[in-house]
């Protein structure tokens, strides 16, 4: 399971790059900043102290485990896009996935002693679902700038990280049915993104 946590993100990145062709813009920055962030997180430890099965556990999942590790590279990439004046193509998903490669490697090392499927298997899958899902809705807004699609996309971008954190919380709380339901719901944009990439190719 530790190998899955370590290798899933780079494997999926390469698979996606083979389908889309991709854009290398920001690749070096993504790997460099992702490595720095991963080392800082590894040395500092968790930011939230989880307690039991309540809100603190969900917040722990959102900040330290599932959502924030993906949102940080998203915001960095978005600010790079703003700095360039909305010019040029930026592969948001590719940037976030590259950023997550060193993160997943260090997390695999720190979580390996726990031997916990939730952390070592479900969390890397949720990371890729968030990265590709958020990128999918950004591309949807960019390619179809209709007001209702913009509103829908913004809402989905806001909901996805929350849903991923609830997925972690549900599995941790032994609410397996709810966990799988949220897990599959969170992966719907992931599936749509892959399907559209394959069709476009």
N, C-alpha and C. Protein backbone atom coordinates (compact mmCIF):
# COMPACT_ATOMS: atom_id res chain seq x y z
N UNK A 1 0.82 -1.21 0.00
CA UNK A 1 0.00 0.00 0.00
C UNK A 1 0.85 1.26 0.00
N UNK A 2 2.00 1.19 0.65
CA UNK A 2 2.90 2.35 0.66
C UNK A 2 3.39 2.65 -0.75
N UNK A 3 3.66 1.60 -1.54
CA UNK A 3 4.10 1.81 -2.91
C UNK A 3 2.99 2.43 -3.75
N UNK A 4 1.75 2.04 -3.48
CA UNK A 4 0.63 2.64 -4.21
C UNK A 4 0.57 4.14 -3.92
N UNK A 5 0.67 4.51 -2.63
CA UNK A 5 0.63 5.92 -2.25
C UNK A 5 1.76 6.70 -2.91
N UNK A 6 2.92 6.08 -3.01
CA UNK A 6 4.08 6.75 -3.58
C UNK A 6 4.02 6.86 -5.10
N UNK A 7 3.46 5.84 -5.74
CA UNK A 7 3.56 5.74 -7.20
C UNK A 7 2.29 6.12 -7.95
N UNK A 8 1.14 6.17 -7.26
CA UNK A 8 -0.10 6.42 -7.98
C UNK A 8 -0.12 7.78 -8.68
N UNK A 9 0.26 8.84 -7.96
CA UNK A 9 0.19 10.18 -8.55
C UNK A 9 1.12 10.31 -9.76
N UNK A 10 2.42 9.93 -9.67
CA UNK A 10 3.25 10.03 -10.88
C UNK A 10 2.78 9.12 -12.01
N UNK A 11 2.26 7.93 -11.67
CA UNK A 11 1.75 7.03 -12.72
C UNK A 11 0.55 7.65 -13.43
N UNK A 12 -0.36 8.22 -12.65
CA UNK A 12 -1.53 8.85 -13.26
C UNK A 12 -1.12 10.08 -14.06
N UNK A 13 -0.16 10.85 -13.56
CA UNK A 13 0.33 12.02 -14.31
C UNK A 13 0.85 11.60 -15.68
N UNK A 14 1.66 10.54 -15.72
CA UNK A 14 2.21 10.08 -16.99
C UNK A 14 1.12 9.53 -17.91
N UNK A 15 0.15 8.82 -17.32
CA UNK A 15 -0.97 8.31 -18.12
C UNK A 15 -1.76 9.46 -18.73
N UNK A 16 -2.05 10.46 -17.92
CA UNK A 16 -2.80 11.61 -18.42
C UNK A 16 -2.00 12.38 -19.46
N UNK A 17 -0.70 12.52 -19.24
CA UNK A 17 0.15 13.23 -20.21
C UNK A 17 0.19 12.49 -21.54
N UNK A 18 0.15 11.15 -21.50
CA UNK A 18 0.15 10.37 -22.74
C UNK A 18 -1.15 10.56 -23.52
N UNK A 19 -2.24 10.89 -22.80
CA UNK A 19 -3.53 11.10 -23.46
C UNK A 19 -3.65 12.52 -23.99
N UNK A 20 -3.29 13.49 -23.16
CA UNK A 20 -3.54 14.90 -23.51
C UNK A 20 -2.38 15.53 -24.26
N UNK A 21 -1.19 14.97 -24.15
CA UNK A 21 -0.02 15.63 -24.71
C UNK A 21 0.56 16.61 -23.72
N UNK A 22 -0.31 17.41 -23.10
CA UNK A 22 0.07 18.25 -21.97
C UNK A 22 0.88 19.47 -22.36
N UNK A 23 1.15 20.25 -21.32
CA UNK A 23 1.91 21.49 -21.45
C UNK A 23 2.92 21.50 -20.32
N UNK A 24 4.18 21.72 -20.65
CA UNK A 24 5.24 21.67 -19.65
C UNK A 24 5.39 22.97 -18.85
N UNK A 25 4.50 23.95 -19.12
CA UNK A 25 4.61 25.23 -18.45
C UNK A 25 4.48 25.08 -16.93
N UNK A 26 5.49 25.57 -16.22
CA UNK A 26 5.45 25.55 -14.77
C UNK A 26 5.84 24.23 -14.15
N UNK A 27 6.33 23.26 -14.95
CA UNK A 27 6.65 21.94 -14.41
C UNK A 27 7.76 21.99 -13.37
N UNK A 28 8.81 22.74 -13.68
CA UNK A 28 9.93 22.83 -12.74
C UNK A 28 9.49 23.48 -11.44
N UNK A 29 8.70 24.56 -11.55
CA UNK A 29 8.20 25.24 -10.35
C UNK A 29 7.30 24.32 -9.54
N UNK A 30 6.47 23.54 -10.21
CA UNK A 30 5.56 22.63 -9.51
C UNK A 30 6.33 21.61 -8.69
N UNK A 31 7.35 21.00 -9.30
CA UNK A 31 8.14 19.99 -8.59
C UNK A 31 8.97 20.62 -7.46
N UNK A 32 9.55 21.80 -7.74
CA UNK A 32 10.37 22.45 -6.73
C UNK A 32 9.54 22.90 -5.54
N UNK A 33 8.46 23.63 -5.81
CA UNK A 33 7.62 24.12 -4.71
C UNK A 33 6.92 22.98 -4.00
N UNK A 34 6.52 21.95 -4.74
CA UNK A 34 5.90 20.79 -4.11
C UNK A 34 6.87 20.08 -3.18
N UNK A 35 8.14 20.00 -3.58
CA UNK A 35 9.14 19.36 -2.72
C UNK A 35 9.37 20.17 -1.46
N UNK A 36 9.46 21.49 -1.61
CA UNK A 36 9.67 22.35 -0.44
C UNK A 36 8.49 22.24 0.52
N UNK A 37 7.27 22.29 -0.04
CA UNK A 37 6.07 22.19 0.79
C UNK A 37 6.01 20.84 1.51
N UNK A 38 6.32 19.78 0.79
CA UNK A 38 6.28 18.43 1.38
C UNK A 38 7.27 18.31 2.53
N UNK A 39 8.48 18.86 2.35
CA UNK A 39 9.49 18.79 3.41
C UNK A 39 9.05 19.60 4.63
N UNK A 40 8.50 20.80 4.40
CA UNK A 40 8.03 21.63 5.51
C UNK A 40 6.91 20.93 6.27
N UNK A 41 5.96 20.35 5.55
CA UNK A 41 4.86 19.63 6.19
C UNK A 41 5.37 18.42 6.96
N UNK A 42 6.37 17.74 6.39
CA UNK A 42 6.93 16.56 7.04
C UNK A 42 7.63 16.94 8.35
N UNK A 43 8.34 18.07 8.35
CA UNK A 43 9.06 18.50 9.53
C UNK A 43 8.14 19.12 10.59
N UNK A 44 7.12 19.86 10.13
CA UNK A 44 6.22 20.54 11.06
C UNK A 44 5.17 19.61 11.65
N UNK A 45 4.80 18.61 10.91
CA UNK A 45 3.72 17.73 11.36
C UNK A 45 2.36 18.33 11.01
N UNK A 46 1.33 17.79 11.60
CA UNK A 46 -0.03 18.21 11.27
C UNK A 46 -0.35 19.56 11.89
N UNK A 47 -1.18 20.34 11.19
CA UNK A 47 -1.59 21.65 11.68
C UNK A 47 -2.79 21.58 12.60
N UNK A 48 -3.62 20.55 12.42
CA UNK A 48 -4.84 20.39 13.21
C UNK A 48 -4.72 19.13 14.06
N UNK A 49 -5.10 19.24 15.31
CA UNK A 49 -5.11 18.07 16.19
C UNK A 49 -6.49 17.41 16.12
N UNK A 50 -6.59 16.23 15.51
CA UNK A 50 -7.91 15.60 15.39
C UNK A 50 -8.36 15.04 16.73
N UNK A 51 -9.65 15.14 16.95
CA UNK A 51 -10.19 14.58 18.19
C UNK A 51 -11.48 13.84 17.92
N UNK A 52 -11.47 12.55 18.10
CA UNK A 52 -12.69 11.77 17.92
C UNK A 52 -13.17 11.75 16.48
N UNK A 53 -14.51 11.85 16.33
CA UNK A 53 -15.13 11.70 15.02
C UNK A 53 -15.93 12.94 14.61
N UNK A 54 -15.74 14.06 15.31
CA UNK A 54 -16.56 15.24 15.06
C UNK A 54 -15.94 16.18 14.04
N UNK A 55 -16.25 17.48 14.23
CA UNK A 55 -15.81 18.49 13.27
C UNK A 55 -14.30 18.59 13.19
N UNK A 56 -13.60 18.40 14.31
CA UNK A 56 -12.14 18.49 14.29
C UNK A 56 -11.54 17.41 13.40
N UNK A 57 -12.15 16.24 13.35
CA UNK A 57 -11.67 15.17 12.47
C UNK A 57 -11.88 15.55 11.01
N UNK A 58 -13.05 16.15 10.70
CA UNK A 58 -13.30 16.61 9.32
C UNK A 58 -12.32 17.71 8.96
N UNK A 59 -12.09 18.66 9.87
CA UNK A 59 -11.16 19.76 9.60
C UNK A 59 -9.74 19.23 9.41
N UNK A 60 -9.38 18.22 10.21
CA UNK A 60 -8.08 17.57 10.05
C UNK A 60 -7.96 16.96 8.66
N UNK A 61 -9.02 16.28 8.22
CA UNK A 61 -9.00 15.70 6.88
C UNK A 61 -8.90 16.75 5.79
N UNK A 62 -9.59 17.87 5.99
CA UNK A 62 -9.59 18.93 4.98
C UNK A 62 -8.22 19.60 4.89
N UNK A 63 -7.64 19.97 6.04
CA UNK A 63 -6.41 20.76 6.05
C UNK A 63 -5.16 19.91 5.89
N UNK A 64 -5.07 18.83 6.64
CA UNK A 64 -3.82 18.08 6.71
C UNK A 64 -3.75 16.87 5.80
N UNK A 65 -4.89 16.33 5.38
CA UNK A 65 -4.85 15.04 4.68
C UNK A 65 -5.25 15.16 3.21
N UNK A 66 -6.45 15.66 2.94
CA UNK A 66 -7.02 15.49 1.60
C UNK A 66 -7.04 16.77 0.76
N UNK A 67 -7.69 17.81 1.26
CA UNK A 67 -8.05 18.94 0.39
C UNK A 67 -6.98 20.01 0.26
N UNK A 68 -6.46 20.50 1.37
CA UNK A 68 -5.48 21.59 1.30
C UNK A 68 -4.22 21.22 0.52
N UNK A 69 -3.71 19.98 0.62
CA UNK A 69 -2.55 19.63 -0.21
C UNK A 69 -2.77 19.81 -1.70
N UNK A 70 -4.03 19.75 -2.15
CA UNK A 70 -4.34 19.98 -3.56
C UNK A 70 -4.67 21.44 -3.82
N UNK A 71 -5.32 22.10 -2.86
CA UNK A 71 -5.71 23.49 -3.05
C UNK A 71 -4.51 24.43 -3.07
N UNK A 72 -3.45 24.12 -2.32
CA UNK A 72 -2.27 24.98 -2.33
C UNK A 72 -1.69 25.11 -3.74
N UNK A 73 -1.38 24.01 -4.44
CA UNK A 73 -0.87 24.18 -5.82
C UNK A 73 -1.90 24.78 -6.76
N UNK A 74 -3.20 24.55 -6.50
CA UNK A 74 -4.22 25.17 -7.35
C UNK A 74 -4.15 26.68 -7.25
N UNK A 75 -4.08 27.22 -6.03
CA UNK A 75 -4.02 28.67 -5.86
C UNK A 75 -2.72 29.24 -6.40
N UNK A 76 -1.60 28.53 -6.21
CA UNK A 76 -0.32 28.99 -6.77
C UNK A 76 -0.42 29.07 -8.29
N UNK A 77 -0.96 28.02 -8.91
CA UNK A 77 -1.11 27.99 -10.36
C UNK A 77 -2.06 29.08 -10.83
N UNK A 78 -3.15 29.30 -10.08
CA UNK A 78 -4.12 30.33 -10.46
C UNK A 78 -3.50 31.72 -10.40
N UNK A 79 -2.69 31.99 -9.36
CA UNK A 79 -2.03 33.29 -9.25
C UNK A 79 -0.98 33.48 -10.34
N UNK A 80 -0.32 32.40 -10.74
CA UNK A 80 0.59 32.47 -11.88
C UNK A 80 -0.17 32.85 -13.15
N UNK A 81 -1.36 32.27 -13.29
CA UNK A 81 -2.21 32.57 -14.44
C UNK A 81 -2.64 34.03 -14.43
N UNK A 82 -3.01 34.56 -13.25
CA UNK A 82 -3.38 35.97 -13.13
C UNK A 82 -2.19 36.87 -13.43
N UNK A 83 -1.02 36.49 -12.92
CA UNK A 83 0.18 37.30 -13.11
C UNK A 83 0.53 37.43 -14.59
N UNK A 84 0.22 36.38 -15.35
CA UNK A 84 0.49 36.40 -16.79
C UNK A 84 -0.63 37.07 -17.57
N UNK A 85 -1.61 37.60 -16.85
CA UNK A 85 -2.70 38.32 -17.51
C UNK A 85 -3.64 37.43 -18.27
N UNK A 86 -3.89 36.21 -17.75
CA UNK A 86 -4.79 35.24 -18.37
C UNK A 86 -4.32 34.81 -19.76
N UNK A 87 -3.02 34.97 -20.01
CA UNK A 87 -2.51 34.63 -21.34
C UNK A 87 -1.86 33.25 -21.33
N UNK A 88 -2.00 32.57 -22.45
CA UNK A 88 -1.36 31.26 -22.59
C UNK A 88 -2.16 30.15 -21.93
N UNK A 89 -1.86 28.95 -22.35
CA UNK A 89 -2.50 27.76 -21.79
C UNK A 89 -1.75 27.31 -20.55
N UNK A 90 -2.48 27.08 -19.46
CA UNK A 90 -1.90 26.51 -18.25
C UNK A 90 -2.65 25.23 -17.93
N UNK A 91 -1.91 24.17 -17.79
CA UNK A 91 -2.51 22.88 -17.44
C UNK A 91 -2.61 22.81 -15.91
N UNK A 92 -3.75 23.21 -15.38
CA UNK A 92 -3.93 23.23 -13.93
C UNK A 92 -3.76 21.83 -13.34
N UNK A 93 -4.38 20.84 -13.96
CA UNK A 93 -4.29 19.48 -13.43
C UNK A 93 -2.85 18.98 -13.45
N UNK A 94 -2.14 19.22 -14.55
CA UNK A 94 -0.76 18.79 -14.64
C UNK A 94 0.11 19.45 -13.58
N UNK A 95 -0.09 20.75 -13.34
CA UNK A 95 0.67 21.47 -12.32
C UNK A 95 0.40 20.89 -10.94
N UNK A 96 -0.89 20.66 -10.63
CA UNK A 96 -1.23 20.13 -9.31
C UNK A 96 -0.70 18.71 -9.12
N UNK A 97 -0.79 17.89 -10.16
CA UNK A 97 -0.30 16.51 -10.05
C UNK A 97 1.21 16.47 -9.87
N UNK A 98 1.93 17.31 -10.61
CA UNK A 98 3.38 17.36 -10.44
C UNK A 98 3.74 17.82 -9.02
N UNK A 99 3.03 18.80 -8.51
CA UNK A 99 3.25 19.29 -7.14
C UNK A 99 3.05 18.17 -6.13
N UNK A 100 2.06 17.31 -6.39
CA UNK A 100 1.71 16.25 -5.44
C UNK A 100 2.66 15.06 -5.47
N UNK A 101 3.53 14.96 -6.46
CA UNK A 101 4.43 13.81 -6.54
C UNK A 101 5.36 13.75 -5.33
N UNK A 102 6.10 14.81 -5.00
CA UNK A 102 6.93 14.73 -3.78
C UNK A 102 6.10 14.65 -2.50
N UNK A 103 4.92 15.28 -2.51
CA UNK A 103 4.03 15.20 -1.35
C UNK A 103 3.63 13.76 -1.09
N UNK A 104 3.22 13.06 -2.15
CA UNK A 104 2.79 11.66 -1.99
C UNK A 104 3.94 10.77 -1.56
N UNK A 105 5.17 11.06 -2.04
CA UNK A 105 6.32 10.24 -1.66
C UNK A 105 6.62 10.36 -0.17
N UNK A 106 6.62 11.60 0.35
CA UNK A 106 6.91 11.78 1.77
C UNK A 106 5.75 11.30 2.64
N UNK A 107 4.52 11.48 2.18
CA UNK A 107 3.39 10.96 2.94
C UNK A 107 3.42 9.43 3.00
N UNK A 108 3.83 8.80 1.91
CA UNK A 108 3.95 7.34 1.91
C UNK A 108 4.95 6.88 2.96
N UNK A 109 6.05 7.61 3.09
CA UNK A 109 7.05 7.26 4.09
C UNK A 109 6.52 7.44 5.50
N UNK A 110 5.81 8.55 5.73
CA UNK A 110 5.33 8.83 7.09
C UNK A 110 4.12 7.98 7.47
N UNK A 111 3.34 7.55 6.47
CA UNK A 111 2.15 6.75 6.75
C UNK A 111 2.40 5.25 6.67
N UNK A 112 3.57 4.85 6.20
CA UNK A 112 3.81 3.42 5.95
C UNK A 112 3.70 2.58 7.22
N UNK A 113 4.10 3.15 8.35
CA UNK A 113 4.04 2.38 9.60
C UNK A 113 2.61 2.14 10.06
N UNK A 114 1.67 2.99 9.61
CA UNK A 114 0.27 2.83 10.00
C UNK A 114 -0.41 1.71 9.23
N UNK A 115 0.06 1.48 7.99
CA UNK A 115 -0.52 0.43 7.14
C UNK A 115 -2.03 0.57 7.04
N UNK A 116 -2.47 1.80 6.81
CA UNK A 116 -3.90 2.14 6.80
C UNK A 116 -4.37 2.37 5.36
N UNK A 117 -5.29 1.54 4.83
CA UNK A 117 -5.76 1.71 3.45
C UNK A 117 -6.39 3.08 3.19
N UNK A 118 -7.05 3.65 4.19
CA UNK A 118 -7.67 4.96 4.00
C UNK A 118 -6.63 5.99 3.60
N UNK A 119 -5.50 5.99 4.28
CA UNK A 119 -4.45 6.97 3.99
C UNK A 119 -3.63 6.59 2.76
N UNK A 120 -3.30 5.34 2.63
CA UNK A 120 -2.36 4.91 1.60
C UNK A 120 -2.99 4.64 0.25
N UNK A 121 -4.32 4.42 0.21
CA UNK A 121 -4.99 4.14 -1.06
C UNK A 121 -6.07 5.19 -1.38
N UNK A 122 -6.99 5.41 -0.44
CA UNK A 122 -8.10 6.32 -0.72
C UNK A 122 -7.63 7.76 -0.89
N UNK A 123 -6.71 8.21 -0.04
CA UNK A 123 -6.27 9.61 -0.09
C UNK A 123 -5.57 9.95 -1.41
N UNK A 124 -4.60 9.14 -1.90
CA UNK A 124 -4.01 9.47 -3.21
C UNK A 124 -5.04 9.49 -4.34
N UNK A 125 -6.03 8.61 -4.28
CA UNK A 125 -7.09 8.63 -5.29
C UNK A 125 -7.92 9.91 -5.19
N UNK A 126 -8.18 10.37 -3.98
CA UNK A 126 -8.91 11.62 -3.80
C UNK A 126 -8.09 12.81 -4.27
N UNK A 127 -6.77 12.77 -4.06
CA UNK A 127 -5.92 13.86 -4.57
C UNK A 127 -6.05 14.00 -6.08
N UNK A 128 -5.95 12.87 -6.80
CA UNK A 128 -6.03 12.95 -8.26
C UNK A 128 -7.44 13.34 -8.71
N UNK A 129 -8.45 12.91 -7.96
CA UNK A 129 -9.83 13.29 -8.29
C UNK A 129 -10.02 14.80 -8.14
N UNK A 130 -9.47 15.38 -7.09
CA UNK A 130 -9.58 16.82 -6.89
C UNK A 130 -8.81 17.59 -7.96
N UNK A 131 -7.59 17.17 -8.23
CA UNK A 131 -6.76 17.88 -9.20
C UNK A 131 -7.40 17.89 -10.59
N UNK A 132 -7.86 16.74 -11.05
CA UNK A 132 -8.46 16.66 -12.38
C UNK A 132 -9.87 17.25 -12.38
N UNK A 133 -10.61 17.10 -11.28
CA UNK A 133 -11.97 17.64 -11.22
C UNK A 133 -11.98 19.15 -11.23
N UNK A 134 -11.12 19.77 -10.42
CA UNK A 134 -11.05 21.23 -10.40
C UNK A 134 -10.62 21.76 -11.77
N UNK A 135 -9.61 21.12 -12.36
CA UNK A 135 -9.15 21.52 -13.69
C UNK A 135 -10.25 21.37 -14.74
N UNK A 136 -11.04 20.30 -14.62
CA UNK A 136 -12.14 20.08 -15.56
C UNK A 136 -13.13 21.24 -15.55
N UNK A 137 -13.49 21.71 -14.35
CA UNK A 137 -14.47 22.80 -14.27
C UNK A 137 -13.87 24.14 -14.68
N UNK A 138 -12.57 24.33 -14.48
CA UNK A 138 -11.92 25.54 -14.98
C UNK A 138 -11.96 25.56 -16.51
N UNK A 139 -11.64 24.43 -17.12
CA UNK A 139 -11.69 24.33 -18.59
C UNK A 139 -13.11 24.49 -19.11
N UNK A 140 -14.08 23.99 -18.35
CA UNK A 140 -15.48 24.13 -18.75
C UNK A 140 -15.87 25.59 -18.80
N UNK A 141 -15.44 26.35 -17.79
CA UNK A 141 -15.74 27.80 -17.79
C UNK A 141 -15.02 28.51 -18.93
N UNK A 142 -13.76 28.14 -19.17
CA UNK A 142 -12.97 28.81 -20.19
C UNK A 142 -13.49 28.54 -21.60
N UNK A 143 -13.94 27.31 -21.83
CA UNK A 143 -14.39 26.93 -23.18
C UNK A 143 -15.85 27.25 -23.43
N UNK A 144 -16.64 27.37 -22.36
CA UNK A 144 -18.08 27.67 -22.50
C UNK A 144 -18.46 28.76 -21.49
N UNK A 145 -18.11 30.01 -21.79
CA UNK A 145 -18.32 31.09 -20.80
C UNK A 145 -19.77 31.56 -20.72
N UNK A 146 -20.69 30.62 -20.55
CA UNK A 146 -22.09 30.98 -20.32
C UNK A 146 -22.29 31.14 -18.82
N UNK A 147 -23.19 32.05 -18.43
CA UNK A 147 -23.31 32.41 -17.02
C UNK A 147 -23.70 31.22 -16.15
N UNK A 148 -24.59 30.36 -16.66
CA UNK A 148 -25.03 29.23 -15.84
C UNK A 148 -23.94 28.18 -15.70
N UNK A 149 -23.09 28.01 -16.72
CA UNK A 149 -21.97 27.08 -16.61
C UNK A 149 -20.90 27.62 -15.68
N UNK A 150 -20.72 28.94 -15.68
CA UNK A 150 -19.75 29.55 -14.77
C UNK A 150 -20.20 29.36 -13.32
N UNK A 151 -21.49 29.60 -13.06
CA UNK A 151 -22.01 29.42 -11.70
C UNK A 151 -21.89 27.96 -11.27
N UNK A 152 -22.28 27.04 -12.16
CA UNK A 152 -22.19 25.61 -11.85
C UNK A 152 -20.75 25.19 -11.58
N UNK A 153 -19.83 25.67 -12.41
CA UNK A 153 -18.43 25.28 -12.26
C UNK A 153 -17.84 25.81 -10.96
N UNK A 154 -18.13 27.07 -10.63
CA UNK A 154 -17.62 27.65 -9.38
C UNK A 154 -18.16 26.88 -8.18
N UNK A 155 -19.46 26.55 -8.21
CA UNK A 155 -20.05 25.78 -7.11
C UNK A 155 -19.39 24.41 -6.98
N UNK A 156 -19.15 23.76 -8.10
CA UNK A 156 -18.52 22.43 -8.05
C UNK A 156 -17.08 22.51 -7.56
N UNK A 157 -16.36 23.57 -7.95
CA UNK A 157 -14.99 23.74 -7.47
C UNK A 157 -14.98 23.94 -5.96
N UNK A 158 -15.99 24.64 -5.44
CA UNK A 158 -16.09 24.83 -3.99
C UNK A 158 -16.52 23.56 -3.27
N UNK A 159 -17.38 22.78 -3.91
CA UNK A 159 -17.94 21.58 -3.26
C UNK A 159 -16.95 20.43 -3.25
N UNK A 160 -16.16 20.27 -4.30
CA UNK A 160 -15.27 19.11 -4.41
C UNK A 160 -14.33 18.93 -3.22
N UNK A 161 -13.60 19.97 -2.78
CA UNK A 161 -12.71 19.77 -1.61
C UNK A 161 -13.48 19.42 -0.34
N UNK A 162 -14.67 19.99 -0.19
CA UNK A 162 -15.50 19.68 0.98
C UNK A 162 -15.95 18.22 0.92
N UNK A 163 -16.38 17.79 -0.26
CA UNK A 163 -16.81 16.40 -0.44
C UNK A 163 -15.68 15.42 -0.17
N UNK A 164 -14.47 15.75 -0.63
CA UNK A 164 -13.32 14.87 -0.40
C UNK A 164 -13.01 14.74 1.09
N UNK A 165 -13.10 15.87 1.82
CA UNK A 165 -12.86 15.82 3.27
C UNK A 165 -13.94 15.01 3.97
N UNK A 166 -15.19 15.14 3.52
CA UNK A 166 -16.27 14.34 4.10
C UNK A 166 -16.08 12.86 3.79
N UNK A 167 -15.51 12.54 2.63
CA UNK A 167 -15.22 11.16 2.29
C UNK A 167 -14.23 10.56 3.30
N UNK A 168 -13.16 11.30 3.56
CA UNK A 168 -12.18 10.85 4.56
C UNK A 168 -12.86 10.68 5.92
N UNK A 169 -13.65 11.66 6.31
CA UNK A 169 -14.33 11.62 7.61
C UNK A 169 -15.27 10.41 7.71
N UNK A 170 -16.03 10.15 6.64
CA UNK A 170 -16.99 9.04 6.66
C UNK A 170 -16.27 7.70 6.78
N UNK A 171 -15.21 7.50 6.01
CA UNK A 171 -14.46 6.25 6.12
C UNK A 171 -13.83 6.10 7.49
N UNK A 172 -13.26 7.18 8.02
CA UNK A 172 -12.63 7.11 9.33
C UNK A 172 -13.66 6.80 10.41
N UNK A 173 -14.88 7.32 10.23
CA UNK A 173 -15.94 7.12 11.22
C UNK A 173 -16.67 5.79 11.04
N UNK A 174 -16.16 4.94 10.16
CA UNK A 174 -16.74 3.63 9.90
C UNK A 174 -18.13 3.70 9.27
N UNK A 175 -18.43 4.82 8.62
CA UNK A 175 -19.68 4.94 7.87
C UNK A 175 -19.37 4.60 6.41
N UNK A 176 -19.20 3.31 6.18
CA UNK A 176 -18.65 2.84 4.91
C UNK A 176 -19.54 3.17 3.72
N UNK A 177 -20.86 2.99 3.87
CA UNK A 177 -21.77 3.25 2.75
C UNK A 177 -21.71 4.72 2.34
N UNK A 178 -21.75 5.61 3.32
CA UNK A 178 -21.64 7.03 3.02
C UNK A 178 -20.27 7.36 2.42
N UNK A 179 -19.23 6.70 2.94
CA UNK A 179 -17.89 6.95 2.41
C UNK A 179 -17.77 6.58 0.95
N UNK A 180 -18.29 5.41 0.56
CA UNK A 180 -18.21 5.01 -0.84
C UNK A 180 -19.08 5.91 -1.72
N UNK A 181 -20.26 6.32 -1.22
CA UNK A 181 -21.12 7.21 -1.99
C UNK A 181 -20.41 8.53 -2.27
N UNK A 182 -19.81 9.12 -1.23
CA UNK A 182 -19.09 10.37 -1.41
C UNK A 182 -17.85 10.18 -2.27
N UNK A 183 -17.19 9.04 -2.11
CA UNK A 183 -16.00 8.74 -2.90
C UNK A 183 -16.32 8.72 -4.39
N UNK A 184 -17.38 8.02 -4.76
CA UNK A 184 -17.77 7.96 -6.17
C UNK A 184 -18.28 9.30 -6.68
N UNK A 185 -19.01 10.04 -5.83
CA UNK A 185 -19.48 11.36 -6.24
C UNK A 185 -18.31 12.30 -6.50
N UNK A 186 -17.30 12.24 -5.66
CA UNK A 186 -16.12 13.09 -5.83
C UNK A 186 -15.37 12.74 -7.10
N UNK A 187 -15.47 11.46 -7.54
CA UNK A 187 -14.75 11.02 -8.74
C UNK A 187 -15.54 11.21 -10.03
N UNK A 188 -16.76 11.72 -9.97
CA UNK A 188 -17.52 11.94 -11.21
C UNK A 188 -16.82 12.92 -12.14
N UNK A 189 -16.39 14.11 -11.66
CA UNK A 189 -15.65 15.01 -12.56
C UNK A 189 -14.35 14.40 -13.07
N UNK A 190 -13.71 13.58 -12.25
CA UNK A 190 -12.50 12.86 -12.65
C UNK A 190 -12.79 11.99 -13.87
N UNK A 191 -13.87 11.22 -13.81
CA UNK A 191 -14.25 10.36 -14.94
C UNK A 191 -14.61 11.17 -16.17
N UNK A 192 -15.36 12.27 -15.97
CA UNK A 192 -15.73 13.12 -17.10
C UNK A 192 -14.50 13.74 -17.75
N UNK A 193 -13.55 14.17 -16.93
CA UNK A 193 -12.33 14.77 -17.46
C UNK A 193 -11.55 13.78 -18.32
N UNK A 194 -11.39 12.54 -17.81
CA UNK A 194 -10.68 11.54 -18.60
C UNK A 194 -11.42 11.21 -19.89
N UNK A 195 -12.75 11.11 -19.80
CA UNK A 195 -13.54 10.79 -20.98
C UNK A 195 -13.41 11.87 -22.04
N UNK A 196 -13.48 13.13 -21.64
CA UNK A 196 -13.36 14.24 -22.61
C UNK A 196 -11.95 14.28 -23.20
N UNK A 197 -10.94 14.01 -22.37
CA UNK A 197 -9.55 14.00 -22.89
C UNK A 197 -9.38 12.91 -23.94
N UNK A 198 -9.94 11.74 -23.67
CA UNK A 198 -9.83 10.63 -24.63
C UNK A 198 -10.56 10.94 -25.91
N UNK A 199 -11.77 11.54 -25.78
CA UNK A 199 -12.56 11.89 -26.98
C UNK A 199 -11.85 12.96 -27.81
N UNK A 200 -11.28 13.97 -27.12
CA UNK A 200 -10.58 15.04 -27.85
C UNK A 200 -9.37 14.50 -28.60
N UNK A 201 -8.71 13.50 -27.99
CA UNK A 201 -7.57 12.92 -28.67
C UNK A 201 -7.98 12.16 -29.92
